[in-house]
């Protein structure tokens, strides 16, 4: 295999890997956004703590709910992004090597 063909193959592999990583990161960011939105809608529906003016929720429940929703959103988004990235890398048309 000539050096130019080897470098072209390496560039193709690195480009596909970069695409998978980028799409995974974008999926992670989207998952964080969805998880944060879901967490805020759930936390805002909790009943107010006794003795407050109705603006605070009781205990650590809001923090736990928020953390769990963020984690689930991030993991789900990253997995979805990884699946889309790998599918894109597999289905993306390859360039023909030089000289063919």
PDB file of N, CA and C in Angstrom:
ATOM      1  N   UNK A   1       0.854  -1.173   0.000  1.00  0.00           N
ATOM      2  CA  UNK A   1       0.000   0.000   0.000  1.00  0.00           C
ATOM      3  C   UNK A   1       0.899   1.234   0.000  1.00  0.00           C
ATOM      4  N   UNK A   2       0.743   2.126  -0.988  1.00  0.00           N
ATOM      5  CA  UNK A   2       1.568   3.336  -1.023  1.00  0.00           C
ATOM      6  C   UNK A   2       1.272   4.248   0.160  1.00  0.00           C
ATOM      7  N   UNK A   3       2.227   5.126   0.432  1.00  0.00           N
ATOM      8  CA  UNK A   3       2.099   6.023   1.586  1.00  0.00           C
ATOM      9  C   UNK A   3       0.903   6.952   1.441  1.00  0.00           C
ATOM     10  N   UNK A   4       0.644   7.448   0.239  1.00  0.00           N
ATOM     11  CA  UNK A   4      -0.484   8.366   0.051  1.00  0.00           C
ATOM     12  C   UNK A   4      -1.817   7.669   0.322  1.00  0.00           C
ATOM     13  N   UNK A   5      -1.929   6.416  -0.065  1.00  0.00           N
ATOM     14  CA  UNK A   5      -3.162   5.668   0.208  1.00  0.00           C
ATOM     15  C   UNK A   5      -3.308   5.419   1.698  1.00  0.00           C
ATOM     16  N   UNK A   6      -2.172   5.153   2.357  1.00  0.00           N
ATOM     17  CA  UNK A   6      -2.205   4.931   3.799  1.00  0.00           C
ATOM     18  C   UNK A   6      -2.634   6.200   4.531  1.00  0.00           C
ATOM     19  N   UNK A   7      -2.086   7.344   4.118  1.00  0.00           N
ATOM     20  CA  UNK A   7      -2.453   8.593   4.783  1.00  0.00           C
ATOM     21  C   UNK A   7      -3.906   8.962   4.489  1.00  0.00           C
ATOM     22  N   UNK A   8      -4.382   8.663   3.288  1.00  0.00           N
ATOM     23  CA  UNK A   8      -5.790   8.935   2.972  1.00  0.00           C
ATOM     24  C   UNK A   8      -6.706   8.075   3.826  1.00  0.00           C
ATOM     25  N   UNK A   9      -6.333   6.824   4.023  1.00  0.00           N
ATOM     26  CA  UNK A   9      -7.136   5.936   4.874  1.00  0.00           C
ATOM     27  C   UNK A   9      -7.123   6.419   6.318  1.00  0.00           C
ATOM     28  N   UNK A  10      -5.964   6.869   6.792  1.00  0.00           N
ATOM     29  CA  UNK A  10      -5.862   7.386   8.157  1.00  0.00           C
ATOM     30  C   UNK A  10      -6.720   8.634   8.328  1.00  0.00           C
ATOM     31  N   UNK A  11      -6.691   9.525   7.336  1.00  0.00           N
ATOM     32  CA  UNK A  11      -7.530  10.725   7.404  1.00  0.00           C
ATOM     33  C   UNK A  11      -9.007  10.354   7.430  1.00  0.00           C
ATOM     34  N   UNK A  12      -9.377   9.359   6.653  1.00  0.00           N
ATOM     35  CA  UNK A  12     -10.768   8.924   6.620  1.00  0.00           C
ATOM     36  C   UNK A  12     -11.196   8.363   7.977  1.00  0.00           C
ATOM     37  N   UNK A  13     -10.325   7.543   8.565  1.00  0.00           N
ATOM     38  CA  UNK A  13     -10.644   6.955   9.875  1.00  0.00           C
ATOM     39  C   UNK A  13     -10.720   8.037  10.940  1.00  0.00           C
ATOM     40  N   UNK A  14      -9.760   8.970  10.929  1.00  0.00           N
ATOM     41  CA  UNK A  14      -9.771  10.048  11.922  1.00  0.00           C
ATOM     42  C   UNK A  14     -10.985  10.954  11.736  1.00  0.00           C
ATOM     43  N   UNK A  15     -11.361  11.209  10.483  1.00  0.00           N
ATOM     44  CA  UNK A  15     -12.538  12.033  10.228  1.00  0.00           C
ATOM     45  C   UNK A  15     -13.810  11.375  10.724  1.00  0.00           C
ATOM     46  N   UNK A  16     -13.925  10.087  10.505  1.00  0.00           N
ATOM     47  CA  UNK A  16     -15.107   9.361  10.988  1.00  0.00           C
ATOM     48  C   UNK A  16     -15.135   9.326  12.514  1.00  0.00           C
ATOM     49  N   UNK A  17     -13.983   9.121  13.133  1.00  0.00           N
ATOM     50  CA  UNK A  17     -13.921   9.108  14.598  1.00  0.00           C
ATOM     51  C   UNK A  17     -14.285  10.472  15.163  1.00  0.00           C
ATOM     52  N   UNK A  18     -13.790  11.524  14.530  1.00  0.00           N
ATOM     53  CA  UNK A  18     -14.125  12.873  14.985  1.00  0.00           C
ATOM     54  C   UNK A  18     -15.618  13.134  14.848  1.00  0.00           C
ATOM     55  N   UNK A  19     -16.226  12.633  13.774  1.00  0.00           N
ATOM     56  CA  UNK A  19     -17.659  12.813  13.589  1.00  0.00           C
ATOM     57  C   UNK A  19     -18.443  12.092  14.684  1.00  0.00           C
ATOM     58  N   UNK A  20     -18.038  10.870  15.013  1.00  0.00           N
ATOM     59  CA  UNK A  20     -18.725  10.114  16.064  1.00  0.00           C
ATOM     60  C   UNK A  20     -18.601  10.847  17.394  1.00  0.00           C
ATOM     61  N   UNK A  21     -17.409  11.346  17.708  1.00  0.00           N
ATOM     62  CA  UNK A  21     -17.201  12.060  18.972  1.00  0.00           C
ATOM     63  C   UNK A  21     -18.032  13.335  19.006  1.00  0.00           C
ATOM     64  N   UNK A  22     -18.046  14.085  17.920  1.00  0.00           N
ATOM     65  CA  UNK A  22     -18.803  15.330  17.874  1.00  0.00           C
ATOM     66  C   UNK A  22     -20.302  15.086  18.030  1.00  0.00           C
ATOM     67  N   UNK A  23     -20.832  14.106  17.340  1.00  0.00           N
ATOM     68  CA  UNK A  23     -22.266  13.813  17.440  1.00  0.00           C
ATOM     69  C   UNK A  23     -22.606  13.298  18.835  1.00  0.00           C
ATOM     70  N   UNK A  24     -21.702  12.529  19.458  1.00  0.00           N
ATOM     71  CA  UNK A  24     -21.936  12.058  20.824  1.00  0.00           C
ATOM     72  C   UNK A  24     -21.977  13.229  21.794  1.00  0.00           C
ATOM     73  N   UNK A  25     -21.057  14.180  21.641  1.00  0.00           N
ATOM     74  CA  UNK A  25     -21.045  15.357  22.522  1.00  0.00           C
ATOM     75  C   UNK A  25     -22.305  16.193  22.312  1.00  0.00           C
ATOM     76  N   UNK A  26     -22.724  16.350  21.066  1.00  0.00           N
ATOM     77  CA  UNK A  26     -23.964  17.088  20.811  1.00  0.00           C
ATOM     78  C   UNK A  26     -25.171  16.375  21.421  1.00  0.00           C
ATOM     79  N   UNK A  27     -25.187  15.052  21.350  1.00  0.00           N
ATOM     80  CA  UNK A  27     -26.257  14.289  21.992  1.00  0.00           C
ATOM     81  C   UNK A  27     -26.239  14.446  23.500  1.00  0.00           C
ATOM     82  N   UNK A  28     -25.046  14.476  24.082  1.00  0.00           N
ATOM     83  CA  UNK A  28     -24.905  14.682  25.526  1.00  0.00           C
ATOM     84  C   UNK A  28     -25.447  16.049  25.927  1.00  0.00           C
ATOM     85  N   UNK A  29     -25.108  17.067  25.164  1.00  0.00           N
ATOM     86  CA  UNK A  29     -25.596  18.418  25.467  1.00  0.00           C
ATOM     87  C   UNK A  29     -27.121  18.477  25.339  1.00  0.00           C
ATOM     88  N   UNK A  30     -27.646  17.872  24.297  1.00  0.00           N
ATOM     89  CA  UNK A  30     -29.104  17.829  24.144  1.00  0.00           C
ATOM     90  C   UNK A  30     -29.774  17.065  25.271  1.00  0.00           C
ATOM     91  N   UNK A  31     -29.155  15.959  25.698  1.00  0.00           N
ATOM     92  CA  UNK A  31     -29.693  15.187  26.815  1.00  0.00           C
ATOM     93  C   UNK A  31     -29.682  15.971  28.114  1.00  0.00           C
ATOM     94  N   UNK A  32     -28.621  16.751  28.326  1.00  0.00           N
ATOM     95  CA  UNK A  32     -28.571  17.605  29.518  1.00  0.00           C
ATOM     96  C   UNK A  32     -29.682  18.652  29.485  1.00  0.00           C
ATOM     97  N   UNK A  33     -29.920  19.221  28.324  1.00  0.00           N
ATOM     98  CA  UNK A  33     -30.984  20.220  28.209  1.00  0.00           C
ATOM     99  C   UNK A  33     -32.352  19.603  28.483  1.00  0.00           C
ATOM    100  N   UNK A  34     -32.609  18.447  27.907  1.00  0.00           N
ATOM    101  CA  UNK A  34     -33.895  17.779  28.127  1.00  0.00           C
ATOM    102  C   UNK A  34     -34.027  17.347  29.583  1.00  0.00           C
ATOM    103  N   UNK A  35     -32.955  16.790  30.153  1.00  0.00           N
ATOM    104  CA  UNK A  35     -32.987  16.378  31.557  1.00  0.00           C
ATOM    105  C   UNK A  35     -33.201  17.554  32.496  1.00  0.00           C
ATOM    106  N   UNK A  36     -32.550  18.675  32.206  1.00  0.00           N
ATOM    107  CA  UNK A  36     -32.734  19.868  33.034  1.00  0.00           C
ATOM    108  C   UNK A  36     -34.152  20.405  32.953  1.00  0.00           C
ATOM    109  N   UNK A  37     -34.716  20.421  31.752  1.00  0.00           N
ATOM    110  CA  UNK A  37     -36.095  20.882  31.592  1.00  0.00           C
ATOM    111  C   UNK A  37     -37.060  19.963  32.337  1.00  0.00           C
ATOM    112  N   UNK A  38     -36.853  18.661  32.180  1.00  0.00           N
ATOM    113  CA  UNK A  38     -37.722  17.703  32.864  1.00  0.00           C
ATOM    114  C   UNK A  38     -37.595  17.832  34.369  1.00  0.00           C
ATOM    115  N   UNK A  39     -36.377  18.013  34.844  1.00  0.00           N
ATOM    116  CA  UNK A  39     -36.159  18.151  36.285  1.00  0.00           C
ATOM    117  C   UNK A  39     -36.855  19.398  36.822  1.00  0.00           C
ATOM    118  N   UNK A  40     -36.761  20.493  36.102  1.00  0.00           N
ATOM    119  CA  UNK A  40     -37.393  21.723  36.587  1.00  0.00           C
ATOM    120  C   UNK A  40     -38.914  21.611  36.587  1.00  0.00           C
ATOM    121  N   UNK A  41     -39.478  20.931  35.601  1.00  0.00           N
ATOM    122  CA  UNK A  41     -40.932  20.788  35.604  1.00  0.00           C
ATOM    123  C   UNK A  41     -41.390  19.889  36.740  1.00  0.00           C
ATOM    124  N   UNK A  42     -40.600  18.866  37.084  1.00  0.00           N
ATOM    125  CA  UNK A  42     -40.973  17.980  38.192  1.00  0.00           C
ATOM    126  C   UNK A  42     -40.786  18.694  39.525  1.00  0.00           C
ATOM    127  N   UNK A  43     -39.665  19.382  39.682  1.00  0.00           N
ATOM    128  CA  UNK A  43     -39.380  20.058  40.953  1.00  0.00           C
ATOM    129  C   UNK A  43     -40.398  21.164  41.209  1.00  0.00           C
ATOM    130  N   UNK A  44     -40.839  21.842  40.167  1.00  0.00           N
ATOM    131  CA  UNK A  44     -41.808  22.926  40.357  1.00  0.00           C
ATOM    132  C   UNK A  44     -43.189  22.425  40.759  1.00  0.00           C
ATOM    133  N   UNK A  45     -43.456  21.132  40.608  1.00  0.00           N
ATOM    134  CA  UNK A  45     -44.760  20.604  41.005  1.00  0.00           C
ATOM    135  C   UNK A  45     -44.751  20.033  42.419  1.00  0.00           C
ATOM    136  N   UNK A  46     -43.586  20.026  43.093  1.00  0.00           N
ATOM    137  CA  UNK A  46     -43.534  19.520  44.467  1.00  0.00           C
ATOM    138  C   UNK A  46     -44.292  20.457  45.391  1.00  0.00           C
ATOM    139  N   UNK A  47     -44.907  19.912  46.438  1.00  0.00           N
ATOM    140  CA  UNK A  47     -45.637  20.783  47.362  1.00  0.00           C
ATOM    141  C   UNK A  47     -44.670  21.656  48.163  1.00  0.00           C
ATOM    142  N   UNK A  48     -45.110  22.841  48.572  1.00  0.00           N
ATOM    143  CA  UNK A  48     -44.229  23.719  49.348  1.00  0.00           C
ATOM    144  C   UNK A  48     -43.965  23.156  50.743  1.00  0.00           C
ATOM    145  N   UNK A  49     -42.839  23.537  51.303  1.00  0.00           N
ATOM    146  CA  UNK A  49     -42.476  23.086  52.648  1.00  0.00           C
ATOM    147  C   UNK A  49     -43.358  23.783  53.674  1.00  0.00           C
ATOM    148  N   UNK A  50     -43.671  23.077  54.777  1.00  0.00           N
ATOM    149  CA  UNK A  50     -44.464  23.726  55.822  1.00  0.00           C
ATOM    150  C   UNK A  50     -43.683  24.887  56.445  1.00  0.00           C
ATOM    151  N   UNK A  51     -44.376  25.951  56.742  1.00  0.00           N
ATOM    152  CA  UNK A  51     -43.744  27.098  57.384  1.00  0.00           C
ATOM    153  C   UNK A  51     -43.108  28.068  56.411  1.00  0.00           C
ATOM    154  N   UNK A  52     -43.198  27.798  55.120  1.00  0.00           N
ATOM    155  CA  UNK A  52     -42.655  28.745  54.141  1.00  0.00           C
ATOM    156  C   UNK A  52     -43.810  29.470  53.483  1.00  0.00           C
ATOM    157  N   UNK A  53     -43.507  30.444  52.698  1.00  0.00           N
ATOM    158  CA  UNK A  53     -44.543  31.218  52.017  1.00  0.00           C
ATOM    159  C   UNK A  53     -45.000  30.537  50.722  1.00  0.00           C
ATOM    160  N   UNK A  54     -44.589  29.292  50.530  1.00  0.00           N
ATOM    161  CA  UNK A  54     -45.002  28.569  49.339  1.00  0.00           C
ATOM    162  C   UNK A  54     -44.001  28.626  48.206  1.00  0.00           C
ATOM    163  N   UNK A  55     -42.814  29.142  48.486  1.00  0.00           N
ATOM    164  CA  UNK A  55     -41.818  29.279  47.425  1.00  0.00           C
ATOM    165  C   UNK A  55     -40.689  28.257  47.530  1.00  0.00           C
ATOM    166  N   UNK A  56     -40.664  27.458  48.582  1.00  0.00           N
ATOM    167  CA  UNK A  56     -39.569  26.511  48.771  1.00  0.00           C
ATOM    168  C   UNK A  56     -40.132  25.107  48.922  1.00  0.00           C
ATOM    169  N   UNK A  57     -39.418  24.136  48.373  1.00  0.00           N
ATOM    170  CA  UNK A  57     -39.787  22.740  48.553  1.00  0.00           C
ATOM    171  C   UNK A  57     -39.024  22.180  49.739  1.00  0.00           C
ATOM    172  N   UNK A  58     -39.574  21.141  50.334  1.00  0.00           N
ATOM    173  CA  UNK A  58     -38.994  20.604  51.562  1.00  0.00           C
ATOM    174  C   UNK A  58     -37.806  19.699  51.273  1.00  0.00           C
ATOM    175  N   UNK A  59     -36.771  19.819  52.091  1.00  0.00           N
ATOM    176  CA  UNK A  59     -35.669  18.860  52.119  1.00  0.00           C
ATOM    177  C   UNK A  59     -34.813  18.819  50.872  1.00  0.00           C
ATOM    178  N   UNK A  60     -34.202  17.639  50.703  1.00  0.00           N
ATOM    179  CA  UNK A  60     -33.280  17.440  49.594  1.00  0.00           C
ATOM    180  C   UNK A  60     -33.951  16.816  48.377  1.00  0.00           C
ATOM    181  N   UNK A  61     -35.234  16.571  48.451  1.00  0.00           N
ATOM    182  CA  UNK A  61     -35.927  15.916  47.336  1.00  0.00           C
ATOM    183  C   UNK A  61     -35.733  16.646  46.009  1.00  0.00           C
ATOM    184  N   UNK A  62     -35.841  17.973  45.967  1.00  0.00           N
ATOM    185  CA  UNK A  62     -35.639  18.639  44.673  1.00  0.00           C
ATOM    186  C   UNK A  62     -34.235  18.429  44.104  1.00  0.00           C
ATOM    187  N   UNK A  63     -33.239  18.423  44.984  1.00  0.00           N
ATOM    188  CA  UNK A  63     -31.861  18.241  44.516  1.00  0.00           C
ATOM    189  C   UNK A  63     -31.644  16.829  43.979  1.00  0.00           C
ATOM    190  N   UNK A  64     -32.219  15.851  44.665  1.00  0.00           N
ATOM    191  CA  UNK A  64     -32.079  14.462  44.225  1.00  0.00           C
ATOM    192  C   UNK A  64     -32.797  14.257  42.898  1.00  0.00           C
ATOM    193  N   UNK A  65     -34.009  14.773  42.797  1.00  0.00           N
ATOM    194  CA  UNK A  65     -34.767  14.647  41.554  1.00  0.00           C
ATOM    195  C   UNK A  65     -34.028  15.331  40.408  1.00  0.00           C
ATOM    196  N   UNK A  66     -33.514  16.521  40.677  1.00  0.00           N
ATOM    197  CA  UNK A  66     -32.796  17.263  39.643  1.00  0.00           C
ATOM    198  C   UNK A  66     -31.556  16.504  39.185  1.00  0.00           C
ATOM    199  N   UNK A  67     -30.786  15.963  40.144  1.00  0.00           N
ATOM    200  CA  UNK A  67     -29.560  15.229  39.797  1.00  0.00           C
ATOM    201  C   UNK A  67     -29.871  13.962  39.001  1.00  0.00           C
ATOM    202  N   UNK A  68     -30.903  13.243  39.420  1.00  0.00           N
ATOM    203  CA  UNK A  68     -31.259  12.008  38.709  1.00  0.00           C
ATOM    204  C   UNK A  68     -31.740  12.323  37.295  1.00  0.00           C
ATOM    205  N   UNK A  69     -32.582  13.343  37.151  1.00  0.00           N
ATOM    206  CA  UNK A  69     -33.074  13.690  35.815  1.00  0.00           C
ATOM    207  C   UNK A  69     -31.953  14.177  34.906  1.00  0.00           C
ATOM    208  N   UNK A  70     -31.017  14.942  35.457  1.00  0.00           N
ATOM    209  CA  UNK A  70     -29.875  15.376  34.646  1.00  0.00           C
ATOM    210  C   UNK A  70     -29.025  14.188  34.211  1.00  0.00           C
ATOM    211  N   UNK A  71     -28.774  13.265  35.143  1.00  0.00           N
ATOM    212  CA  UNK A  71     -27.941  12.097  34.820  1.00  0.00           C
ATOM    213  C   UNK A  71     -28.610  11.221  33.764  1.00  0.00           C
ATOM    214  N   UNK A  72     -29.905  10.977  33.936  1.00  0.00           N
ATOM    215  CA  UNK A  72     -30.623  10.146  32.959  1.00  0.00           C
ATOM    216  C   UNK A  72     -30.646  10.832  31.592  1.00  0.00           C
ATOM    217  N   UNK A  73     -30.879  12.133  31.584  1.00  0.00           N
ATOM    218  CA  UNK A  73     -30.877  12.864  30.318  1.00  0.00           C
ATOM    219  C   UNK A  73     -29.518  12.840  29.643  1.00  0.00           C
ATOM    220  N   UNK A  74     -28.454  13.024  30.425  1.00  0.00           N
ATOM    221  CA  UNK A  74     -27.104  13.032  29.855  1.00  0.00           C
ATOM    222  C   UNK A  74     -26.732  11.667  29.293  1.00  0.00           C
ATOM    223  N   UNK A  75     -27.013  10.620  30.043  1.00  0.00           N
ATOM    224  CA  UNK A  75     -26.673   9.268  29.575  1.00  0.00           C
ATOM    225  C   UNK A  75     -27.508   8.910  28.343  1.00  0.00           C
ATOM    226  N   UNK A  76     -28.786   9.204  28.400  1.00  0.00           N
ATOM    227  CA  UNK A  76     -29.640   8.910  27.248  1.00  0.00           C
ATOM    228  C   UNK A  76     -29.224   9.686  26.011  1.00  0.00           C
ATOM    229  N   UNK A  77     -28.904  10.959  26.195  1.00  0.00           N
ATOM    230  CA  UNK A  77     -28.457  11.765  25.060  1.00  0.00           C
ATOM    231  C   UNK A  77     -27.138  11.280  24.489  1.00  0.00           C
ATOM    232  N   UNK A  78     -26.216  10.889  25.367  1.00  0.00           N
ATOM    233  CA  UNK A  78     -24.917  10.396  24.898  1.00  0.00           C
ATOM    234  C   UNK A  78     -25.070   9.073  24.147  1.00  0.00           C
ATOM    235  N   UNK A  79     -25.905   8.189  24.658  1.00  0.00           N
ATOM    236  CA  UNK A  79     -26.121   6.908  23.968  1.00  0.00           C
ATOM    237  C   UNK A  79     -26.780   7.143  22.611  1.00  0.00           C
ATOM    238  N   UNK A  80     -27.781   8.010  22.584  1.00  0.00           N
ATOM    239  CA  UNK A  80     -28.449   8.321  21.320  1.00  0.00           C
ATOM    240  C   UNK A  80     -27.467   8.950  20.331  1.00  0.00           C
ATOM    241  N   UNK A  81     -26.656   9.895  20.814  1.00  0.00           N
ATOM    242  CA  UNK A  81     -25.661  10.522  19.950  1.00  0.00           C
ATOM    243  C   UNK A  81     -24.632   9.536  19.446  1.00  0.00           C
ATOM    244  N   UNK A  82     -24.221   8.614  20.305  1.00  0.00           N
ATOM    245  CA  UNK A  82     -23.247   7.601  19.898  1.00  0.00           C
ATOM    246  C   UNK A  82     -23.833   6.695  18.818  1.00  0.00           C
ATOM    247  N   UNK A  83     -25.083   6.288  19.000  1.00  0.00           N
ATOM    248  CA  UNK A  83     -25.721   5.437  17.991  1.00  0.00           C
ATOM    249  C   UNK A  83     -25.852   6.157  16.649  1.00  0.00           C
ATOM    250  N   UNK A  84     -26.263   7.414  16.692  1.00  0.00           N
ATOM    251  CA  UNK A  84     -26.394   8.189  15.455  1.00  0.00           C
ATOM    252  C   UNK A  84     -25.023   8.399  14.815  1.00  0.00           C
ATOM    253  N   UNK A  85     -24.005   8.696  15.637  1.00  0.00           N
ATOM    254  CA  UNK A  85     -22.660   8.909  15.106  1.00  0.00           C
ATOM    255  C   UNK A  85     -22.080   7.666  14.465  1.00  0.00           C
ATOM    256  N   UNK A  86     -22.253   6.527  15.107  1.00  0.00           N
ATOM    257  CA  UNK A  86     -21.733   5.274  14.546  1.00  0.00           C
ATOM    258  C   UNK A  86     -22.482   4.924  13.260  1.00  0.00           C
ATOM    259  N   UNK A  87     -23.791   5.101  13.267  1.00  0.00           N
ATOM    260  CA  UNK A  87     -24.555   4.830  12.045  1.00  0.00           C
ATOM    261  C   UNK A  87     -24.115   5.764  10.921  1.00  0.00           C
ATOM    262  N   UNK A  88     -23.875   7.024  11.254  1.00  0.00           N
ATOM    263  CA  UNK A  88     -23.403   7.960  10.239  1.00  0.00           C
ATOM    264  C   UNK A  88     -22.032   7.601   9.713  1.00  0.00           C
ATOM    265  N   UNK A  89     -21.153   7.149  10.605  1.00  0.00           N
ATOM    266  CA  UNK A  89     -19.802   6.770  10.179  1.00  0.00           C
ATOM    267  C   UNK A  89     -19.831   5.533   9.289  1.00  0.00           C
ATOM    268  N   UNK A  90     -20.735   4.626   9.577  1.00  0.00           N
ATOM    269  CA  UNK A  90     -20.827   3.413   8.759  1.00  0.00           C
ATOM    270  C   UNK A  90     -21.455   3.723   7.395  1.00  0.00           C
ATOM    271  N   UNK A  91     -22.488   4.547   7.395  1.00  0.00           N
ATOM    272  CA  UNK A  91     -23.220   4.803   6.158  1.00  0.00           C
ATOM    273  C   UNK A  91     -22.611   5.897   5.286  1.00  0.00           C
ATOM    274  N   UNK A  92     -21.699   6.704   5.851  1.00  0.00           N
ATOM    275  CA  UNK A  92     -21.099   7.795   5.088  1.00  0.00           C
ATOM    276  C   UNK A  92     -20.296   7.211   3.928  1.00  0.00           C
ATOM    277  N   UNK A  93     -20.475   7.715   2.717  1.00  0.00           N
ATOM    278  CA  UNK A  93     -19.748   7.122   1.584  1.00  0.00           C
ATOM    279  C   UNK A  93     -18.248   7.353   1.702  1.00  0.00           C
ATOM    280  N   UNK A  94     -17.494   6.322   1.388  1.00  0.00           N
ATOM    281  CA  UNK A  94     -16.039   6.419   1.463  1.00  0.00           C
ATOM    282  C   UNK A  94     -15.507   6.980   0.154  1.00  0.00           C
ATOM    283  N   UNK A  95     -14.415   7.725   0.275  1.00  0.00           N
ATOM    284  CA  UNK A  95     -13.740   8.216  -0.927  1.00  0.00           C
ATOM    285  C   UNK A  95     -12.940   7.082  -1.539  1.00  0.00           C
ATOM    286  N   UNK A  96     -12.873   7.085  -2.829  1.00  0.00           N
ATOM    287  CA  UNK A  96     -12.025   6.078  -3.461  1.00  0.00           C
ATOM    288  C   UNK A  96     -10.575   6.500  -3.270  1.00  0.00           C
ATOM    289  N   UNK A  97      -9.733   5.535  -3.045  1.00  0.00           N
ATOM    290  CA  UNK A  97      -8.333   5.860  -2.801  1.00  0.00           C
ATOM    291  C   UNK A  97      -7.694   6.395  -4.081  1.00  0.00           C
ATOM    292  N   UNK A  98      -6.697   7.279  -3.939  1.00  0.00           N
ATOM    293  CA  UNK A  98      -6.072   7.881  -5.121  1.00  0.00           C
ATOM    294  C   UNK A  98      -5.416   6.812  -5.996  1.00  0.00           C
ATOM    295  N   UNK A  99      -5.500   7.009  -7.263  1.00  0.00           N
ATOM    296  CA  UNK A  99      -4.875   6.083  -8.189  1.00  0.00           C
ATOM    297  C   UNK A  99      -5.804   4.993  -8.684  1.00  0.00           C
ATOM    298  N   UNK A 100      -7.033   4.955  -8.177  1.00  0.00           N
ATOM    299  CA  UNK A 100      -7.974   3.917  -8.623  1.00  0.00           C
ATOM    300  C   UNK A 100      -8.911   4.467  -9.651  1.00  0.00           C
TER     301      UNK A 100
END
